Protein backbone atom coordinates (compact mmCIF):
# COMPACT_ATOMS: atom_id res chain seq x y z
CA UNK A 1 0.00 0.00 0.00
CA UNK A 2 1.37 3.41 -0.93
CA UNK A 3 2.02 6.16 1.60
CA UNK A 4 -0.58 8.23 -0.22
CA UNK A 5 -3.36 5.71 0.34
CA UNK A 6 -2.19 5.10 3.91
CA UNK A 7 -2.34 8.73 4.95
CA UNK A 8 -4.91 10.16 2.59
CA UNK A 9 -7.95 9.41 4.71
CA UNK A 10 -7.05 11.10 7.97
CA UNK A 11 -4.30 13.48 6.88
CA UNK A 12 -6.49 16.43 7.91
CA UNK A 13 -6.32 15.17 11.50
CA UNK A 14 -2.68 14.10 11.41
CA UNK A 15 -1.22 17.02 13.36
CA UNK A 16 -3.95 16.76 15.97
CA UNK A 17 -3.29 13.09 16.44
CA UNK A 18 0.46 13.64 16.88
CA UNK A 19 0.27 16.86 18.87
CA UNK A 20 2.01 15.08 21.76
CA UNK A 21 4.97 14.08 19.57
CA UNK A 22 8.14 15.87 20.68
CA UNK A 23 9.25 17.18 17.31
CA UNK A 24 11.66 19.66 18.94
CA UNK A 25 13.57 16.89 20.74
CA UNK A 26 13.71 14.80 17.56
CA UNK A 27 15.07 17.72 15.55
CA UNK A 28 17.67 18.43 18.23
CA UNK A 29 18.75 14.79 18.06
CA UNK A 30 19.00 14.88 14.25
CA UNK A 31 20.95 18.13 14.45
CA UNK A 32 23.43 16.50 16.85
CA UNK A 33 23.99 13.61 14.44
CA UNK A 34 24.40 15.90 11.46
CA UNK A 35 26.88 18.08 13.31
CA UNK A 36 28.81 14.93 14.21
CA UNK A 37 29.12 13.64 10.66
CA UNK A 38 28.70 16.61 8.29
CA UNK A 39 31.44 19.21 8.07
CA UNK A 40 29.30 21.89 6.41
CA UNK A 41 27.76 24.40 8.82
CA UNK A 42 25.20 25.56 6.21
CA UNK A 43 23.73 22.15 5.49
CA UNK A 44 21.22 21.61 2.68
CA UNK A 45 18.89 18.72 3.51
CA UNK A 46 16.54 16.62 1.41
CA UNK A 47 13.74 15.13 3.52
CA UNK A 48 12.04 11.95 2.30
CA UNK A 49 8.49 11.72 3.63
CA UNK A 50 8.19 15.28 4.95
CA UNK A 51 4.56 14.92 6.02
CA UNK A 52 3.00 18.20 7.09
CA UNK A 53 6.44 19.77 7.45
CA UNK A 54 6.88 19.77 11.21
CA UNK A 55 10.44 18.39 11.21
CA UNK A 56 11.43 20.45 8.18
CA UNK A 57 10.18 23.71 9.63
CA UNK A 58 12.06 23.17 12.89
CA UNK A 59 15.24 22.20 11.07
CA UNK A 60 14.92 25.38 9.01
CA UNK A 61 14.74 27.35 12.24
CA UNK A 62 18.02 25.67 13.21
CA UNK A 63 19.64 27.15 10.11
CA UNK A 64 19.31 24.27 7.66
CA UNK A 65 17.84 24.60 4.18
CA UNK A 66 15.31 21.80 3.76
CA UNK A 67 13.56 20.47 0.68
CA UNK A 68 10.80 17.99 1.48
CA UNK A 69 9.33 15.24 -0.70
CA UNK A 70 5.95 13.84 0.35
CA UNK A 71 3.75 11.36 -1.51
CA UNK A 72 0.48 12.55 0.04
CA UNK A 73 -0.88 15.68 -1.66
CA UNK A 74 -3.09 16.25 1.38
CA UNK A 75 -0.02 16.41 3.63
CA UNK A 76 1.80 18.78 1.29
CA UNK A 77 -1.23 21.08 1.22
CA UNK A 78 -1.05 21.45 4.99
CA UNK A 79 2.66 22.23 5.16
CA UNK A 80 3.72 25.83 5.79
CA UNK A 81 6.69 26.82 3.65
CA UNK A 82 9.31 29.45 4.44
CA UNK A 83 12.45 30.86 2.87
CA UNK A 84 14.43 27.88 4.22
CA UNK A 85 11.81 25.13 3.94
CA UNK A 86 9.87 23.98 0.90
CA UNK A 87 8.11 20.75 0.03
CA UNK A 88 6.51 19.12 -2.96
CA UNK A 89 4.53 16.04 -3.86
CA UNK A 90 6.61 13.14 -5.12
CA UNK A 91 7.54 9.48 -4.73
CA UNK A 92 10.79 9.07 -2.78
CA UNK A 93 11.55 5.89 -4.73
CA UNK A 94 11.65 7.62 -8.10
CA UNK A 95 12.08 11.36 -7.50
CA UNK A 96 15.12 12.98 -9.09
CA UNK A 97 15.48 16.71 -8.44
CA UNK A 98 18.74 17.22 -10.33
CA UNK A 99 20.26 18.77 -7.18
CA UNK A 100 22.86 17.44 -4.74
CA UNK A 101 22.38 17.78 -0.99
CA UNK A 102 24.67 17.48 2.03
CA UNK A 103 22.37 14.90 3.59
CA UNK A 104 19.12 13.06 3.01
CA UNK A 105 16.93 12.41 6.06
CA UNK A 106 13.81 10.29 6.49
CA UNK A 107 12.07 10.28 9.87
CA UNK A 108 9.12 8.69 11.66
CA UNK A 109 9.70 5.21 10.19
CA UNK A 110 9.15 6.22 6.55
CA UNK A 111 11.71 3.57 5.58
CA UNK A 112 9.68 0.92 7.36
CA UNK A 113 6.84 1.63 4.94
CA UNK A 114 9.13 0.30 2.19
CA UNK A 115 8.06 -3.31 2.61
CA UNK A 116 9.66 -4.94 -0.44
CA UNK A 117 13.35 -5.32 -1.20
CA UNK A 118 12.75 -3.44 -4.44
CA UNK A 119 11.24 -0.48 -2.59
CA UNK A 120 14.10 -0.35 -0.08
CA UNK A 121 16.72 -0.43 -2.82
CA UNK A 122 14.84 2.18 -4.85
CA UNK A 123 14.82 4.63 -1.92
CA UNK A 124 18.50 4.02 -1.24
CA UNK A 125 19.32 4.62 -4.90
CA UNK A 126 17.24 7.80 -4.87
CA UNK A 127 19.13 9.00 -1.81
CA UNK A 128 22.48 8.14 -3.41
CA UNK A 129 21.59 10.02 -6.58
CA UNK A 130 21.00 13.19 -4.53
CA UNK A 131 24.33 12.97 -2.67
CA UNK A 132 27.97 13.54 -3.52
CA UNK A 133 30.57 11.11 -2.18
CA UNK A 134 30.65 11.48 1.59
CA UNK A 135 27.03 12.62 1.82
CA UNK A 136 24.78 11.17 4.52
CA UNK A 137 21.51 9.28 4.52
CA UNK A 138 19.92 9.34 7.99
CA UNK A 139 16.71 7.45 8.74
CA UNK A 140 14.93 5.46 11.45
CA UNK A 141 13.31 2.02 11.23
CA UNK A 142 11.51 -0.57 13.30
CA UNK A 143 14.18 -2.91 14.69
CA UNK A 144 13.70 -6.66 14.28
CA UNK A 145 15.05 -7.87 17.66
CA UNK A 146 12.66 -5.54 19.51
CA UNK A 147 9.65 -6.43 17.36
CA UNK A 148 10.07 -10.15 18.05
CA UNK A 149 10.96 -9.67 21.72
CA UNK A 150 8.28 -7.15 22.66
CA UNK A 151 5.56 -8.36 20.25
CA UNK A 152 3.25 -5.65 18.87
CA UNK A 153 -0.09 -5.49 20.68
CA UNK A 154 -3.47 -3.84 20.30
CA UNK A 155 -3.24 -0.17 21.26
CA UNK A 156 -5.84 2.54 21.74
CA UNK A 157 -4.98 6.23 21.50
CA UNK A 158 -7.25 9.22 22.05
CA UNK A 159 -6.64 12.87 21.21
CA UNK A 160 -8.93 15.90 21.19
CA UNK A 161 -9.12 19.62 20.51
CA UNK A 162 -11.95 22.13 20.75
CA UNK A 163 -13.70 20.66 17.70
CA UNK A 164 -12.79 16.98 17.34
CA UNK A 165 -12.21 13.93 19.48
CA UNK A 166 -10.28 11.12 17.81
CA UNK A 167 -9.95 7.52 18.95
CA UNK A 168 -7.62 5.17 17.08
CA UNK A 169 -7.50 1.43 17.60
CA UNK A 170 -4.38 -0.28 16.22
CA UNK A 171 -4.53 -4.05 15.70
CA UNK A 172 -1.27 -5.66 14.51
CA UNK A 173 -0.72 -8.87 12.55
CA UNK A 174 2.84 -10.25 12.52
CA UNK A 175 4.01 -11.74 9.22
CA UNK A 176 7.10 -13.61 10.37
CA UNK A 177 8.30 -14.70 6.93
CA UNK A 178 8.15 -11.18 5.50
CA UNK A 179 9.79 -9.17 8.32
CA UNK A 180 6.54 -7.23 8.41
CA UNK A 181 3.76 -6.15 10.73
CA UNK A 182 0.43 -5.15 9.19
CA UNK A 183 -1.31 -2.67 11.47
CA UNK A 184 -5.05 -2.34 10.96
CA UNK A 185 -6.30 1.05 12.15
CA UNK A 186 -9.88 1.86 13.01
CA UNK A 187 -10.26 5.60 13.56
CA UNK A 188 -13.31 7.24 15.13
CA UNK A 189 -13.55 11.00 14.47
CA UNK A 190 -16.20 12.76 16.51
CA UNK A 191 -17.29 16.26 15.53
CA UNK A 192 -18.30 17.80 18.84
CA UNK A 193 -20.34 20.64 17.39
CA UNK A 194 -22.21 18.57 14.82
CA UNK A 195 -22.62 15.56 17.06
CA UNK A 196 -21.48 13.22 14.26
CA UNK A 197 -18.95 10.40 14.16
CA UNK A 198 -16.93 9.37 11.11
CA UNK A 199 -15.22 5.98 11.03
CA UNK A 200 -12.12 5.37 8.91
CA UNK A 201 -10.16 2.17 8.43
CA UNK A 202 -6.62 1.85 7.12
CA UNK A 203 -3.93 -0.80 6.85
CA UNK A 204 -0.31 0.19 7.46
CA UNK A 205 2.20 -2.49 6.38
CA UNK A 206 5.41 -1.90 8.35
CA UNK A 207 8.73 -3.63 7.69
CA UNK A 208 11.30 -4.14 10.43
CA UNK A 209 15.03 -4.49 9.83
CA UNK A 210 18.02 -6.23 11.38
CA UNK A 211 21.49 -4.70 11.22
CA UNK A 212 22.82 -7.37 8.80
CA UNK A 213 19.96 -6.46 6.43
CA UNK A 214 20.78 -2.77 6.69
CA UNK A 215 24.47 -3.42 6.06
CA UNK A 216 23.69 -5.53 2.98
CA UNK A 217 21.23 -3.01 1.54
CA UNK A 218 23.73 -0.22 2.20
CA UNK A 219 26.65 -2.05 0.61
CA UNK A 220 24.87 -2.88 -2.65
CA UNK A 221 23.59 0.71 -2.87
CA UNK A 222 27.00 2.33 -2.50
CA UNK A 223 26.83 3.28 1.20
CA UNK A 224 28.85 2.50 4.31
CA UNK A 225 27.11 2.08 7.67
CA UNK A 226 28.42 4.75 10.04
CA UNK A 227 26.06 4.50 12.96
CA UNK A 228 23.18 2.42 14.34
CA UNK A 229 21.72 3.55 17.65
CA UNK A 230 18.47 3.96 19.51
CA UNK A 231 16.54 6.95 18.20
CA UNK A 232 16.77 9.93 20.58
CA UNK A 233 18.83 8.23 23.31
CA UNK A 234 21.87 7.16 21.28
CA UNK A 235 22.03 3.83 23.13
CA UNK A 236 23.25 0.67 21.42
CA UNK A 237 20.32 -1.08 19.72
CA UNK A 238 18.98 -4.22 21.38
CA UNK A 239 15.85 -6.13 22.25
CA UNK A 240 14.25 -3.06 23.81
CA UNK A 241 15.07 -0.75 20.90
CA UNK A 242 11.92 -0.49 18.82
CA UNK A 243 13.09 2.58 16.89
CA UNK A 244 16.67 2.48 15.59
CA UNK A 245 18.39 5.36 13.83
CA UNK A 246 20.70 4.51 10.94
CA UNK A 247 23.35 6.80 9.45
CA UNK A 248 24.87 5.83 6.11
CA UNK A 249 27.66 7.57 4.20
CA UNK A 250 27.85 7.45 0.41
CA UNK A 251 31.09 5.85 -0.75
């Protein structure tokens, strides 16, 4: 399933649903990694899967120039551009902007939505084609040891503002032979003023990765693995590390 079909239905409620997400801390973490591995102080970033632009806008405030690529037109329509942040609709597997960047980033498990080997390799090739030698590709993924140790479970999340109350039920199915978890979402959107309730359903196929997989994909795509650590904390990945950050350098 494409990212567009996954996020098209409830994209208008996306920022409400993730209003508790600490975007500022995530951007500070990404900034720390970029400062560690990129020598340029005026870094030009390409963001794969820029969503509604929350990460890109904050990175722009940090002094980066950010160009975002997002498959969902609905997400792009909600993004606020500035002189240092712009975004456009496109497929990260096939987009070619004809411009080189200091680094490519892809956050919030966008790479885990690439569930086939062909999709993974296509995104890596796209990243490589936008980088000079030494350029970085930074992304986060679901981590296989944690998925099999912790086991995904049914989760219920509720968020609300002055107009809407949203309840999302996530029901996972583990596909052990495909390194994949299919998450079935049922989303109840209550309009407080109108007294109505809309029900949406979506399936999010999510791939998880082991480090040997990442190293193999990186090698055949012309990258070296520089870093693999727990997202935000920087700890070594292990059975408790659901979200792992990967930093690759183009050979």
